[in-house]
């Protein structure tokens, strides 16, 4: 008699199976690499545009959208990177938008 137990079949519908299927044993697929490059370029363009006074508000808005996506991804897939980084960036970008809007508003105390 064999005492070895059979392992349960891994279903790709389970969260663990889905993550393993998507991670491709640690090596990103071509589609994932392309998406990472596109997001990275969008972030770099956003950072450069943050430095230009006329485009800072729109750049911060675009980066907020990217950070909401990053935070959602971290929370859904329970990434080991954690939620603190995207939340911190989201808060800082929101502060930039708020300050820019306050500075653009004409002062009522004249």
Protein backbone atom coordinates (compact mmCIF):
# COMPACT_ATOMS: atom_id res chain seq x y z
CA UNK A 1 0.00 0.00 0.00
CA UNK A 2 1.23 3.39 -0.89
CA UNK A 3 1.01 6.16 1.68
CA UNK A 4 1.62 8.96 -0.81
CA UNK A 5 -1.27 11.38 -1.07
CA UNK A 6 -2.37 12.71 -4.40
CA UNK A 7 -2.11 16.48 -4.75
CA UNK A 8 -5.32 18.27 -5.64
CA UNK A 9 -5.51 19.50 -9.19
CA UNK A 10 -4.72 23.19 -9.54
CA UNK A 11 -7.62 25.05 -11.00
CA UNK A 12 -6.79 28.25 -12.87
CA UNK A 13 -10.04 29.75 -11.56
CA UNK A 14 -8.66 29.90 -8.02
CA UNK A 15 -6.72 33.05 -7.05
CA UNK A 16 -3.50 31.10 -6.43
CA UNK A 17 -3.80 29.22 -9.72
CA UNK A 18 -4.61 32.44 -11.59
CA UNK A 19 -1.59 34.22 -10.13
CA UNK A 20 0.68 31.34 -11.07
CA UNK A 21 -0.74 31.25 -14.59
CA UNK A 22 -0.23 35.00 -14.97
CA UNK A 23 3.24 35.06 -13.45
CA UNK A 24 4.52 32.47 -15.94
CA UNK A 25 6.96 31.03 -13.39
CA UNK A 26 8.39 34.46 -12.63
CA UNK A 27 9.22 35.43 -16.21
CA UNK A 28 6.96 38.17 -17.62
CA UNK A 29 5.31 37.54 -20.95
CA UNK A 30 5.87 39.83 -23.93
CA UNK A 31 2.49 41.43 -23.33
CA UNK A 32 3.36 42.15 -19.67
CA UNK A 33 6.74 43.59 -20.67
CA UNK A 34 5.09 45.88 -23.21
CA UNK A 35 2.47 47.04 -20.69
CA UNK A 36 5.18 47.72 -18.10
CA UNK A 37 7.15 49.80 -20.58
CA UNK A 38 4.08 51.81 -21.62
CA UNK A 39 3.18 52.55 -17.99
CA UNK A 40 6.80 53.42 -17.20
CA UNK A 41 7.02 55.85 -20.11
CA UNK A 42 3.69 57.40 -19.10
CA UNK A 43 4.99 57.90 -15.56
CA UNK A 44 8.22 59.48 -16.79
CA UNK A 45 6.34 61.84 -19.11
CA UNK A 46 4.04 62.73 -16.22
CA UNK A 47 6.98 63.52 -13.94
CA UNK A 48 8.57 65.76 -16.57
CA UNK A 49 5.25 67.53 -17.15
CA UNK A 50 4.90 68.08 -13.39
CA UNK A 51 7.92 70.35 -13.61
CA UNK A 52 6.32 72.55 -16.30
CA UNK A 53 4.01 75.07 -14.58
CA UNK A 54 1.39 75.14 -17.33
CA UNK A 55 0.96 71.37 -17.49
CA UNK A 56 1.47 70.37 -13.85
CA UNK A 57 -2.23 70.10 -13.05
CA UNK A 58 -2.98 67.80 -15.98
CA UNK A 59 0.16 65.76 -15.36
CA UNK A 60 -0.78 65.23 -11.72
CA UNK A 61 -4.27 64.18 -12.81
CA UNK A 62 -2.85 61.63 -15.23
CA UNK A 63 -0.45 60.28 -12.64
CA UNK A 64 -3.33 59.98 -10.16
CA UNK A 65 -5.12 57.74 -12.65
CA UNK A 66 -1.99 55.58 -13.00
CA UNK A 67 -1.58 55.36 -9.20
CA UNK A 68 -5.24 54.35 -8.73
CA UNK A 69 -4.58 51.51 -11.18
CA UNK A 70 -1.39 50.56 -9.33
CA UNK A 71 -3.14 50.56 -5.97
CA UNK A 72 -6.00 48.48 -7.37
CA UNK A 73 -3.57 45.95 -8.82
CA UNK A 74 -1.69 45.65 -5.53
CA UNK A 75 -4.91 45.15 -3.58
CA UNK A 76 -6.48 42.65 -5.99
CA UNK A 77 -3.41 40.46 -6.45
CA UNK A 78 -2.10 40.97 -2.90
CA UNK A 79 1.32 41.87 -4.18
CA UNK A 80 4.30 41.50 -1.88
CA UNK A 81 5.22 45.11 -2.72
CA UNK A 82 2.43 46.33 -0.46
CA UNK A 83 -0.11 49.11 -0.65
CA UNK A 84 1.90 51.83 1.09
CA UNK A 85 3.91 53.05 -1.92
CA UNK A 86 1.00 53.62 -4.32
CA UNK A 87 -1.06 55.17 -1.51
CA UNK A 88 1.74 57.57 -0.61
CA UNK A 89 2.19 58.62 -4.24
CA UNK A 90 -1.56 59.02 -4.64
CA UNK A 91 -1.69 61.28 -1.58
CA UNK A 92 1.24 63.41 -2.75
CA UNK A 93 -0.22 63.83 -6.23
CA UNK A 94 -3.59 64.76 -4.76
CA UNK A 95 -1.85 67.40 -2.63
CA UNK A 96 -0.19 68.81 -5.77
CA UNK A 97 -3.55 69.04 -7.53
CA UNK A 98 -5.16 70.68 -4.50
CA UNK A 99 -2.35 73.23 -4.12
CA UNK A 100 -2.35 74.03 -7.84
CA UNK A 101 -6.10 74.61 -7.80
CA UNK A 102 -5.77 76.88 -4.75
CA UNK A 103 -3.00 78.89 -6.39
CA UNK A 104 -4.97 79.26 -9.62
CA UNK A 105 -8.08 80.55 -7.83
CA UNK A 106 -8.12 84.35 -7.60
CA UNK A 107 -7.86 85.67 -4.08
CA UNK A 108 -11.11 87.05 -2.66
CA UNK A 109 -9.34 89.07 0.06
CA UNK A 110 -8.36 92.08 -2.09
